[in-house]
Amino acid sequence: MKINARKIKIFKIKNRRGYAAVCVNYLTEGTTLLQVYERMQKALKRNGMELKSDVSNLKKLVTSL
């Protein structure tokens, strides 16, 4: 199953250092945007999903909650 990379929502974790990403009920955490994105790719791949395209600018995926 292929998922669009725009479905990944990355946000800054309050009161902690780093970022978190949510996509299709999966949550990953990391210290940098790139690390969080790569960990989400691995989590999706582990569950039989893959991203359709790469994102040239990861800051476009960052949302504020």
N, C-alpha and C. Protein backbone atom coordinates (compact mmCIF):
# COMPACT_ATOMS: atom_id res chain seq x y z
N MET A 1 0.84 -1.17 0.00
CA MET A 1 0.00 0.00 0.00
C MET A 1 0.89 1.24 0.00
N LYS A 2 0.58 2.17 -0.87
CA LYS A 2 1.38 3.39 -0.96
C LYS A 2 0.64 4.55 -0.31
N ILE A 3 1.41 5.35 0.42
CA ILE A 3 0.87 6.49 1.15
C ILE A 3 1.59 7.74 0.69
N ASN A 4 0.85 8.82 0.52
CA ASN A 4 1.44 10.09 0.15
C ASN A 4 2.23 10.65 1.33
N ALA A 5 3.40 11.20 1.06
CA ALA A 5 4.26 11.73 2.12
C ALA A 5 3.62 12.91 2.84
N ARG A 6 2.67 13.57 2.22
CA ARG A 6 1.99 14.71 2.84
C ARG A 6 1.07 14.29 3.99
N LYS A 7 0.79 13.00 4.14
CA LYS A 7 -0.05 12.52 5.23
C LYS A 7 0.71 12.49 6.56
N ILE A 8 2.03 12.59 6.50
CA ILE A 8 2.84 12.60 7.72
C ILE A 8 2.73 13.98 8.36
N LYS A 9 2.39 14.01 9.63
CA LYS A 9 2.31 15.26 10.38
C LYS A 9 3.45 15.26 11.39
N ILE A 10 4.34 16.24 11.27
CA ILE A 10 5.49 16.37 12.18
C ILE A 10 5.23 17.58 13.07
N PHE A 11 5.50 17.43 14.36
CA PHE A 11 5.30 18.54 15.27
C PHE A 11 6.38 18.55 16.33
N LYS A 12 6.59 19.73 16.91
CA LYS A 12 7.57 19.93 17.97
C LYS A 12 6.96 19.45 19.26
N ILE A 13 7.70 18.67 20.05
CA ILE A 13 7.22 18.17 21.33
C ILE A 13 7.45 19.25 22.39
N LYS A 14 6.38 19.63 23.07
CA LYS A 14 6.51 20.64 24.12
C LYS A 14 7.17 20.04 25.35
N ASN A 15 7.94 20.86 26.02
CA ASN A 15 8.64 20.48 27.26
C ASN A 15 9.67 19.37 27.05
N ARG A 16 10.02 19.10 25.82
CA ARG A 16 11.05 18.09 25.53
C ARG A 16 11.85 18.57 24.33
N ARG A 17 12.98 17.93 24.14
CA ARG A 17 13.81 18.26 23.00
C ARG A 17 13.46 17.32 21.86
N GLY A 18 13.16 17.85 20.70
CA GLY A 18 12.92 17.01 19.55
C GLY A 18 11.56 17.16 18.93
N TYR A 19 11.29 16.25 17.99
CA TYR A 19 10.07 16.27 17.19
C TYR A 19 9.40 14.90 17.24
N ALA A 20 8.14 14.87 16.84
CA ALA A 20 7.40 13.62 16.73
C ALA A 20 6.64 13.65 15.40
N ALA A 21 6.35 12.47 14.87
CA ALA A 21 5.60 12.36 13.63
C ALA A 21 4.47 11.35 13.81
N VAL A 22 3.33 11.67 13.20
CA VAL A 22 2.16 10.80 13.25
C VAL A 22 1.70 10.55 11.82
N CYS A 23 1.42 9.28 11.52
CA CYS A 23 0.90 8.90 10.21
C CYS A 23 0.22 7.55 10.33
N VAL A 24 -1.03 7.46 9.91
CA VAL A 24 -1.80 6.22 9.92
C VAL A 24 -1.70 5.51 11.28
N ASN A 25 -1.94 6.24 12.35
CA ASN A 25 -1.92 5.71 13.71
C ASN A 25 -0.56 5.19 14.17
N TYR A 26 0.52 5.64 13.57
CA TYR A 26 1.87 5.31 14.00
C TYR A 26 2.52 6.59 14.51
N LEU A 27 3.30 6.47 15.58
CA LEU A 27 3.97 7.62 16.18
C LEU A 27 5.45 7.32 16.28
N THR A 28 6.27 8.26 15.84
CA THR A 28 7.73 8.12 15.99
C THR A 28 8.26 9.42 16.59
N GLU A 29 9.40 9.33 17.25
CA GLU A 29 10.03 10.50 17.86
C GLU A 29 11.50 10.54 17.48
N GLY A 30 12.07 11.74 17.47
CA GLY A 30 13.48 11.91 17.17
C GLY A 30 13.93 13.31 17.51
N THR A 31 15.22 13.55 17.42
CA THR A 31 15.76 14.85 17.79
C THR A 31 15.75 15.84 16.63
N THR A 32 15.80 15.36 15.39
CA THR A 32 15.78 16.26 14.23
C THR A 32 14.64 15.89 13.29
N LEU A 33 14.32 16.81 12.39
CA LEU A 33 13.26 16.55 11.42
C LEU A 33 13.60 15.36 10.52
N LEU A 34 14.83 15.29 10.07
CA LEU A 34 15.24 14.20 9.20
C LEU A 34 15.17 12.85 9.91
N GLN A 35 15.59 12.81 11.15
CA GLN A 35 15.55 11.57 11.92
C GLN A 35 14.11 11.08 12.11
N VAL A 36 13.20 11.99 12.41
CA VAL A 36 11.80 11.63 12.59
C VAL A 36 11.21 11.10 11.29
N TYR A 37 11.52 11.76 10.18
CA TYR A 37 11.01 11.34 8.87
C TYR A 37 11.52 9.95 8.49
N GLU A 38 12.81 9.70 8.71
CA GLU A 38 13.39 8.40 8.39
C GLU A 38 12.82 7.30 9.27
N ARG A 39 12.59 7.59 10.55
CA ARG A 39 12.00 6.60 11.44
C ARG A 39 10.56 6.28 11.03
N MET A 40 9.83 7.28 10.54
CA MET A 40 8.47 7.02 10.07
C MET A 40 8.49 6.16 8.82
N GLN A 41 9.44 6.41 7.93
CA GLN A 41 9.57 5.57 6.73
C GLN A 41 9.80 4.12 7.14
N LYS A 42 10.67 3.88 8.10
CA LYS A 42 10.95 2.52 8.57
C LYS A 42 9.73 1.88 9.20
N ALA A 43 8.99 2.65 9.99
CA ALA A 43 7.79 2.11 10.65
C ALA A 43 6.73 1.72 9.62
N LEU A 44 6.55 2.55 8.61
CA LEU A 44 5.58 2.24 7.57
C LEU A 44 6.02 1.03 6.76
N LYS A 45 7.30 0.97 6.43
CA LYS A 45 7.83 -0.15 5.65
C LYS A 45 7.69 -1.47 6.41
N ARG A 46 7.92 -1.42 7.72
CA ARG A 46 7.80 -2.60 8.56
C ARG A 46 6.38 -3.16 8.54
N ASN A 47 5.40 -2.30 8.31
CA ASN A 47 4.00 -2.70 8.31
C ASN A 47 3.42 -2.83 6.91
N GLY A 48 4.27 -2.95 5.90
CA GLY A 48 3.84 -3.21 4.54
C GLY A 48 3.38 -2.00 3.75
N MET A 49 3.74 -0.80 4.19
CA MET A 49 3.37 0.43 3.49
C MET A 49 4.63 1.13 3.03
N GLU A 50 4.47 1.97 2.03
CA GLU A 50 5.60 2.77 1.58
C GLU A 50 5.13 4.13 1.13
N LEU A 51 6.04 5.09 1.10
CA LEU A 51 5.70 6.44 0.69
C LEU A 51 5.79 6.56 -0.82
N LYS A 52 4.84 7.28 -1.42
CA LYS A 52 4.83 7.47 -2.87
C LYS A 52 5.98 8.35 -3.33
N SER A 53 6.25 9.41 -2.59
CA SER A 53 7.26 10.36 -3.02
C SER A 53 8.04 10.89 -1.83
N ASP A 54 9.22 11.41 -2.10
CA ASP A 54 10.02 12.06 -1.07
C ASP A 54 9.64 13.53 -1.00
N VAL A 55 9.89 14.12 0.12
CA VAL A 55 9.62 15.54 0.32
C VAL A 55 10.94 16.28 0.24
N SER A 56 10.99 17.31 -0.62
CA SER A 56 12.24 18.05 -0.76
C SER A 56 12.49 18.96 0.44
N ASN A 57 11.43 19.48 1.05
CA ASN A 57 11.57 20.34 2.20
C ASN A 57 10.73 19.80 3.35
N LEU A 58 11.38 19.24 4.35
CA LEU A 58 10.67 18.62 5.47
C LEU A 58 9.89 19.62 6.30
N LYS A 59 10.26 20.90 6.24
CA LYS A 59 9.57 21.90 7.02
C LYS A 59 8.13 22.08 6.56
N LYS A 60 7.81 21.63 5.35
CA LYS A 60 6.43 21.70 4.86
C LYS A 60 5.53 20.73 5.61
N LEU A 61 6.09 19.68 6.20
CA LEU A 61 5.31 18.70 6.93
C LEU A 61 5.07 19.08 8.38
N VAL A 62 5.78 20.10 8.87
CA VAL A 62 5.68 20.49 10.27
C VAL A 62 4.36 21.22 10.49
N THR A 63 3.61 20.76 11.48
CA THR A 63 2.35 21.39 11.85
C THR A 63 2.42 21.78 13.32
N SER A 64 1.60 22.72 13.71
CA SER A 64 1.56 23.09 15.12
C SER A 64 0.25 22.58 15.71
N LEU A 65 0.37 21.91 16.84
CA LEU A 65 -0.81 21.34 17.50
C LEU A 65 -1.11 22.09 18.78
